Each structure stands twice: as C-alpha cells, then as structure tokens.
Amino acid sequence: QVRLVESGGGLVQPGGSLRLSCAAYGFNLRYGVIGWFRQVPGKEREGVVCRSNPDGSTYYADSVKGRFTFSRDNVKNTVYLQMNNLTPEDAGDYYCVADDLSEEFQTMCEVAEGMDYWGKGTQVTVSS
C-alpha cells in the first residue's frame, strides 16, 4: 500500500523560504512519477513540479521556475520541494502525488490530474 506523508508547511513572510518533504512508503522512487500539486480555494489545482523517476526528467510550472527546486533522497525514499522567494500567490495546500506510470508525466503535471497516489497535504501560508 502506497502512503505519501508530507511535512514542512507553515507560515512564512513574502520573500521567505520553506522546504516541503514527502516520505514515500510502499513507492519506489526509481520508478513512476512523483511530484507536487497545490490547491488554493477558488482556484484550479496546479501541478507545481513532477519528476519522472526513471530518467530524472523534471517539469516545473512556469509560475515557480527559478524559485522552486525538486530533489530526491533515494536512501530516505523522500522527496523535497525547496521553495524560495515565496509570494502570497504561492499560498495553498500542497499535495505530494505519485503514480506508477511516468510516460505522460508532463501532461499529468500540466493538467494536475492522473496521479493515483496522494498525500493528505500540507498548508503553506505566505503573509506578512
């Protein structure tokens, strides 16, 4: 049984940084796809970043390029999302998501759909 457990959300001032973690249980980070979606009430869900595990290809949403960085620790079976220069527009619930198939990972991320496995989410608040 796959279980994704997020941590690291919280309150940060604009311009600040946070690092989100996602511990993956029952999911091998050498296969499939894993990434982060975010949801703001009243807005469409957004695929923030997705990584195709077999080849390491990574998709970033335009809104976070240059500010967010995805990384992976295969020993800990954990992925991270380093978020820098945060703005109020980055606030929301961040979900770690994964799927066993990675062939369409970029499309899945662009439309923020198609992932079979979801964590419960961690909330990010950006406010002064």
Foldseek 3Di string as FASTA:
>chain_A
DKAWAKDWADEAAQQAKIKMKIAIDPDQLQAFKKAKWWDDPPDAIAQAKMAGNNVGDMDGDPVQPPFWDKDADRVRNMIMIIGGRDDQVPWGWMKMFTARHHPCVNVCRGNVDDTPDIHPTDTHGYHD
